[in-house]
Amino acid sequence: MKKKQVNVPSLPPPSLLSGFRMEISGNREAVLEGCGGVLEYSEEAIRVRAGKMSVRFTGRNLKIKCLTADSLVVEGYLTGLEFIT
């Protein structure tokens, strides 16, 4: 049996995540609740305000599938996730 190493991103302190929730389905979709607006938008990167920080998704063919006043769905081939304080 082979062991597989998985890189898990380090999460920011809970104080920076207040009121923000994210659910990721594989590498194809991410649902964000409690976000405060879109800061960057292209097919290669989407960055949104999330509490006291921002979250940046990178990948290919990214798009915002659904957008409401405080949530959105990012769809595409996700290759990276970055928490920016």
Protein backbone atom coordinates (compact mmCIF):
# COMPACT_ATOMS: atom_id res chain seq x y z
CA MET A 1 0.00 0.00 0.00
CA LYS A 2 1.43 3.37 -1.05
CA LYS A 3 1.19 6.38 1.21
CA LYS A 4 0.14 9.59 -0.46
CA GLN A 5 1.20 12.96 0.89
CA VAL A 6 -1.42 15.69 0.72
CA ASN A 7 -0.57 19.38 1.06
CA VAL A 8 -3.13 21.11 3.25
CA PRO A 9 -3.05 24.92 3.23
CA SER A 10 -2.41 26.52 6.60
CA LEU A 11 -5.53 28.27 7.78
CA PRO A 12 -5.55 31.80 9.15
CA PRO A 13 -6.47 32.43 12.80
CA PRO A 14 -10.21 32.10 13.61
CA SER A 15 -10.42 35.83 14.38
CA LEU A 16 -9.83 36.60 10.69
CA LEU A 17 -12.48 34.12 9.54
CA SER A 18 -15.41 35.52 11.54
CA GLY A 19 -18.68 35.29 9.61
CA PHE A 20 -17.10 33.51 6.65
CA ARG A 21 -17.77 29.93 5.50
CA MET A 22 -16.36 28.02 2.53
CA GLU A 23 -17.22 24.61 1.11
CA ILE A 24 -15.07 23.05 -1.62
CA SER A 25 -16.30 20.20 -3.83
CA GLY A 26 -13.23 18.48 -5.23
CA ASN A 27 -11.25 20.77 -7.50
CA ARG A 28 -14.25 21.96 -9.54
CA GLU A 29 -16.39 24.17 -7.28
CA ALA A 30 -16.21 26.34 -4.17
CA VAL A 31 -19.15 27.91 -2.33
CA LEU A 32 -18.42 30.99 -0.21
CA GLU A 33 -20.89 32.40 2.29
CA GLY A 34 -20.36 35.66 4.13
CA CYS A 35 -18.11 37.23 1.51
CA GLY A 36 -18.04 40.96 0.98
CA GLY A 37 -17.40 41.47 -2.71
CA VAL A 38 -15.30 40.51 -5.71
CA LEU A 39 -11.82 42.11 -5.76
CA GLU A 40 -10.31 40.35 -8.79
CA TYR A 41 -11.94 38.41 -11.61
CA SER A 42 -10.44 36.59 -14.59
CA GLU A 43 -10.41 33.07 -16.04
CA GLU A 44 -7.17 32.38 -14.11
CA ALA A 45 -7.88 34.05 -10.74
CA ILE A 46 -10.83 35.12 -8.59
CA ARG A 47 -10.25 37.03 -5.34
CA VAL A 48 -13.02 37.92 -2.90
CA ARG A 49 -13.24 39.80 0.39
CA ALA A 50 -13.90 37.43 3.30
CA GLY A 51 -14.17 38.94 6.74
CA LYS A 52 -10.93 40.78 7.59
CA MET A 53 -8.99 39.17 4.74
CA SER A 54 -9.40 38.01 1.16
CA VAL A 55 -9.43 34.58 -0.47
CA ARG A 56 -7.88 34.02 -3.90
CA PHE A 57 -8.67 31.05 -6.14
CA THR A 58 -6.39 30.23 -9.06
CA GLY A 59 -6.95 27.77 -11.87
CA ARG A 60 -8.27 27.46 -15.40
CA ASN A 61 -11.62 28.48 -16.89
CA LEU A 62 -12.75 30.00 -13.59
CA LYS A 63 -16.08 31.77 -13.46
CA ILE A 64 -18.58 32.96 -10.90
CA LYS A 65 -21.53 30.64 -11.37
CA CYS A 66 -23.82 32.37 -8.87
CA LEU A 67 -23.50 35.70 -7.03
CA THR A 68 -25.70 37.17 -4.28
CA ALA A 69 -25.20 40.04 -1.82
CA ASP A 70 -23.12 37.90 0.58
CA SER A 71 -22.26 34.63 -1.19
CA LEU A 72 -20.92 33.24 -4.46
CA VAL A 73 -20.04 30.03 -6.24
CA VAL A 74 -16.71 29.71 -8.06
CA GLU A 75 -16.62 27.07 -10.78
CA GLY A 76 -13.80 25.79 -13.00
CA TYR A 77 -10.60 23.79 -12.61
CA LEU A 78 -9.23 24.94 -9.23
CA THR A 79 -5.47 24.58 -8.77
CA GLY A 80 -4.77 26.95 -5.89
CA LEU A 81 -6.30 28.57 -2.82
CA GLU A 82 -4.67 31.47 -0.96
CA PHE A 83 -5.69 33.29 2.21
CA ILE A 84 -4.46 36.90 2.12
CA THR A 85 -4.40 38.94 5.32
